[in-house]
């Protein structure tokens, strides 16, 4: 008799629960796999590297400067846009025949000037009989018409100071450059960088020599 009562109680307990089974509120939570976290981290690192590299390239090699005027005619024309290498002169100094981009006397209100380096620190430059001489030797020109009609300041020997550069435009008859007192020798700290590529217009597209 007692055995039957116990079985009856057990049935009542089971009947009081839906479905006759006990409830379980401790369901398992799905976790994020370590492999997925690792993949996401690698992807984020690669993306950051690409973005950082692109920013560096744009900053050092993608600065665009318009050519104003005809002082570099024959090499650059007014309206051309050049890309400037800002990195090279952090590692090396400008050398003869480099085409540099600078602010005259560091004047931030001026547009950028673009000229060719003729003489470097310690050199002596002079223009005699329409020719450019550096350290009493004819300058090795890279332009077709190097004749200089007006020597101006360079009529007398000019010694280029430390961290300074004597520059001329390739169009010597129409260039405001180191021959003029208001320009003079260009200090390295005022040089933005080296002009290395013509970005536009398309017909002039290409590297500078």
Protein backbone atom coordinates (compact mmCIF):
# COMPACT_ATOMS: atom_id res chain seq x y z
CA UNK A 1 0.00 0.00 0.00
CA UNK A 2 2.83 2.37 0.95
CA UNK A 3 4.61 1.50 -2.30
CA UNK A 4 1.58 2.54 -4.32
CA UNK A 5 1.35 5.89 -2.52
CA UNK A 6 4.98 6.65 -3.30
CA UNK A 7 4.42 5.90 -6.97
CA UNK A 8 1.35 8.14 -6.91
CA UNK A 9 3.38 11.07 -5.47
CA UNK A 10 6.05 10.65 -8.10
CA UNK A 11 3.43 10.78 -10.88
CA UNK A 12 1.91 13.95 -9.41
CA UNK A 13 5.30 15.65 -9.30
CA UNK A 14 5.98 14.80 -12.94
CA UNK A 15 2.49 15.88 -13.95
CA UNK A 16 2.96 19.28 -12.37
CA UNK A 17 5.76 20.04 -14.81
CA UNK A 18 5.03 20.82 -18.50
CA UNK A 19 5.86 17.86 -20.63
CA UNK A 20 6.49 15.79 -17.59
CA UNK A 21 10.15 16.80 -17.50
CA UNK A 22 12.21 19.20 -15.41
CA UNK A 23 13.08 22.74 -16.65
CA UNK A 24 16.68 23.64 -17.37
CA UNK A 25 17.68 27.33 -17.33
CA UNK A 26 21.39 26.74 -17.68
CA UNK A 27 21.60 26.66 -21.49
CA UNK A 28 25.10 26.88 -22.99
CA UNK A 29 26.24 30.22 -24.42
CA UNK A 30 27.92 30.14 -27.77
CA UNK A 31 31.47 31.55 -27.42
CA UNK A 32 33.57 33.43 -30.05
CA UNK A 33 36.24 31.12 -31.36
CA UNK A 34 39.88 32.03 -30.84
CA UNK A 35 40.52 31.49 -34.53
CA UNK A 36 37.95 34.15 -35.47
CA UNK A 37 39.49 36.64 -33.01
CA UNK A 38 42.97 35.95 -34.40
CA UNK A 39 41.78 36.39 -38.00
CA UNK A 40 40.09 39.70 -37.14
CA UNK A 41 43.22 40.95 -35.38
CA UNK A 42 45.45 40.06 -38.33
CA UNK A 43 43.04 41.74 -40.74
CA UNK A 44 42.89 44.91 -38.60
CA UNK A 45 46.71 45.04 -38.36
CA UNK A 46 47.09 44.65 -42.13
CA UNK A 47 44.51 47.37 -42.76
CA UNK A 48 46.28 49.74 -40.35
CA UNK A 49 49.61 49.01 -42.06
CA UNK A 50 48.18 49.73 -45.52
CA UNK A 51 46.55 52.97 -44.36
CA UNK A 52 49.74 54.06 -42.60
CA UNK A 53 51.89 53.26 -45.62
CA UNK A 54 49.53 55.14 -47.93
CA UNK A 55 49.63 58.17 -45.63
CA UNK A 56 53.44 58.14 -45.59
CA UNK A 57 53.63 57.86 -49.38
CA UNK A 58 51.18 60.73 -49.87
CA UNK A 59 52.97 62.91 -47.30
CA UNK A 60 56.48 62.36 -48.62
CA UNK A 61 55.94 61.74 -52.34
CA UNK A 62 52.48 62.99 -53.25
CA UNK A 63 52.66 66.70 -52.45
CA UNK A 64 51.43 68.55 -55.53
CA UNK A 65 52.77 72.00 -56.42
CA UNK A 66 51.66 74.05 -59.43
CA UNK A 67 54.21 75.68 -61.70
CA UNK A 68 53.72 79.45 -61.78
CA UNK A 69 55.31 81.44 -64.59
CA UNK A 70 57.82 80.57 -67.31
CA UNK A 71 61.07 80.56 -65.32
CA UNK A 72 61.55 76.82 -65.94
CA UNK A 73 60.27 76.83 -69.53
CA UNK A 74 61.81 74.05 -71.55
CA UNK A 75 61.64 71.77 -68.54
CA UNK A 76 58.41 72.83 -66.88
CA UNK A 77 55.62 74.98 -68.26
CA UNK A 78 53.31 77.33 -66.40
CA UNK A 79 50.24 75.36 -65.34
CA UNK A 80 52.08 72.06 -64.95
CA UNK A 81 51.64 70.29 -61.63
CA UNK A 82 54.64 68.54 -60.12
CA UNK A 83 54.93 65.97 -57.35
CA UNK A 84 57.49 66.79 -54.68
CA UNK A 85 59.72 64.29 -52.91
CA UNK A 86 59.85 65.58 -49.34
CA UNK A 87 61.77 62.59 -48.02
CA UNK A 88 65.00 62.69 -50.02
CA UNK A 89 66.41 65.83 -48.40
CA UNK A 90 65.87 64.42 -44.93
CA UNK A 91 68.42 61.79 -45.85
CA UNK A 92 70.65 63.65 -48.32
CA UNK A 93 71.52 67.20 -49.30
CA UNK A 94 70.47 68.78 -52.60
CA UNK A 95 73.06 68.37 -55.32
CA UNK A 96 73.88 70.20 -58.54
CA UNK A 97 71.17 70.05 -61.21
CA UNK A 98 68.48 68.97 -58.75
CA UNK A 99 65.20 70.78 -59.35
CA UNK A 100 64.03 72.00 -55.97
CA UNK A 101 60.80 73.48 -54.62
CA UNK A 102 61.15 76.20 -51.99
CA UNK A 103 59.61 79.26 -50.35
CA UNK A 104 61.70 82.37 -51.10
CA UNK A 105 63.23 83.50 -47.80
CA UNK A 106 60.78 81.18 -46.06
CA UNK A 107 57.86 83.47 -46.89
CA UNK A 108 54.80 81.31 -46.20
CA UNK A 109 52.55 83.82 -47.98
CA UNK A 110 54.41 83.27 -51.25
CA UNK A 111 53.74 80.56 -53.81
CA UNK A 112 56.42 77.90 -54.14
CA UNK A 113 59.36 78.62 -56.44
CA UNK A 114 60.84 75.87 -58.59
CA UNK A 115 64.48 76.25 -59.69
CA UNK A 116 67.59 74.25 -60.54
CA UNK A 117 70.48 73.94 -58.09
CA UNK A 118 73.70 75.34 -59.54
CA UNK A 119 76.03 75.56 -56.56
CA UNK A 120 76.08 73.90 -53.14
CA UNK A 121 77.57 74.91 -49.75
CA UNK A 122 81.20 76.00 -50.02
CA UNK A 123 81.08 76.52 -53.80
CA UNK A 124 81.96 79.78 -55.51
CA UNK A 125 79.67 80.71 -58.39
CA UNK A 126 80.05 83.44 -60.97
CA UNK A 127 78.47 84.31 -64.31
CA UNK A 128 80.95 85.57 -66.91
CA UNK A 129 80.30 86.31 -70.57
CA UNK A 130 76.90 84.66 -70.36
CA UNK A 131 78.23 81.40 -68.91
CA UNK A 132 77.90 79.97 -65.41
CA UNK A 133 81.07 78.99 -63.58
CA UNK A 134 81.30 77.01 -60.36
CA UNK A 135 84.68 76.96 -58.65
CA UNK A 136 86.15 78.53 -61.80
CA UNK A 137 84.92 75.65 -63.96
CA UNK A 138 82.08 75.86 -66.52
CA UNK A 139 78.92 74.46 -64.97
CA UNK A 140 77.78 71.14 -66.45
CA UNK A 141 74.42 72.22 -67.83
CA UNK A 142 71.42 69.98 -68.50
CA UNK A 143 69.49 72.51 -70.55
CA UNK A 144 69.71 73.38 -74.22
CA UNK A 145 70.06 77.15 -73.88
CA UNK A 146 72.16 77.95 -70.79
CA UNK A 147 73.21 81.45 -71.88
CA UNK A 148 72.69 84.10 -69.19
CA UNK A 149 72.19 87.65 -70.38
CA UNK A 150 71.99 89.34 -66.98
CA UNK A 151 74.47 88.19 -64.36
CA UNK A 152 73.23 90.68 -61.75
CA UNK A 153 74.59 89.68 -58.29
CA UNK A 154 76.56 86.83 -59.84
CA UNK A 155 78.63 89.23 -61.91
CA UNK A 156 81.00 89.07 -58.96
CA UNK A 157 81.96 85.75 -57.32
CA UNK A 158 79.43 84.52 -54.77
CA UNK A 159 80.50 82.09 -52.06
CA UNK A 160 77.63 79.82 -51.11
CA UNK A 161 77.25 79.60 -47.35
CA UNK A 162 76.59 76.63 -45.11
CA UNK A 163 73.19 75.01 -45.73
CA UNK A 164 72.63 77.37 -48.69
CA UNK A 165 72.15 76.79 -52.41
CA UNK A 166 72.55 79.00 -55.46
CA UNK A 167 69.70 78.37 -57.90
CA UNK A 168 68.73 79.48 -61.40
CA UNK A 169 65.66 78.97 -63.54
CA UNK A 170 66.14 77.04 -66.78
CA UNK A 171 64.68 79.97 -68.70
CA UNK A 172 67.56 82.24 -67.69
CA UNK A 173 66.14 85.30 -69.43
CA UNK A 174 62.85 85.15 -67.51
CA UNK A 175 63.64 83.88 -64.02
CA UNK A 176 63.73 85.50 -60.59
CA UNK A 177 66.36 83.45 -58.83
CA UNK A 178 69.57 83.67 -56.78
CA UNK A 179 70.88 86.44 -59.03
CA UNK A 180 68.33 88.78 -57.44
CA UNK A 181 68.86 90.38 -54.03
CA UNK A 182 65.29 89.64 -52.90
CA UNK A 183 65.88 85.92 -53.47
CA UNK A 184 69.58 85.28 -52.98
CA UNK A 185 70.89 81.92 -51.90
CA UNK A 186 68.23 79.47 -50.77
CA UNK A 187 68.50 78.07 -47.26
CA UNK A 188 67.93 74.35 -46.87
CA UNK A 189 65.31 74.93 -44.17
CA UNK A 190 63.17 76.75 -46.77
CA UNK A 191 63.29 73.86 -49.27
CA UNK A 192 60.10 71.79 -49.44
CA UNK A 193 61.72 69.01 -51.45
CA UNK A 194 62.79 67.80 -54.86
CA UNK A 195 60.51 68.09 -57.88
CA UNK A 196 60.54 64.59 -59.36
CA UNK A 197 57.41 63.98 -61.42
CA UNK A 198 55.01 65.93 -63.65
CA UNK A 199 51.52 64.83 -62.66
CA UNK A 200 49.59 67.00 -65.11
CA UNK A 201 48.74 67.85 -67.83
CA UNK A 202 48.75 64.44 -69.45
CA UNK A 203 50.90 65.47 -72.41
CA UNK A 204 53.75 66.41 -70.04
CA UNK A 205 53.23 63.42 -67.73
CA UNK A 206 56.47 61.78 -66.59
CA UNK A 207 59.64 61.94 -64.52
CA UNK A 208 61.82 65.04 -64.39
CA UNK A 209 65.48 64.88 -65.29
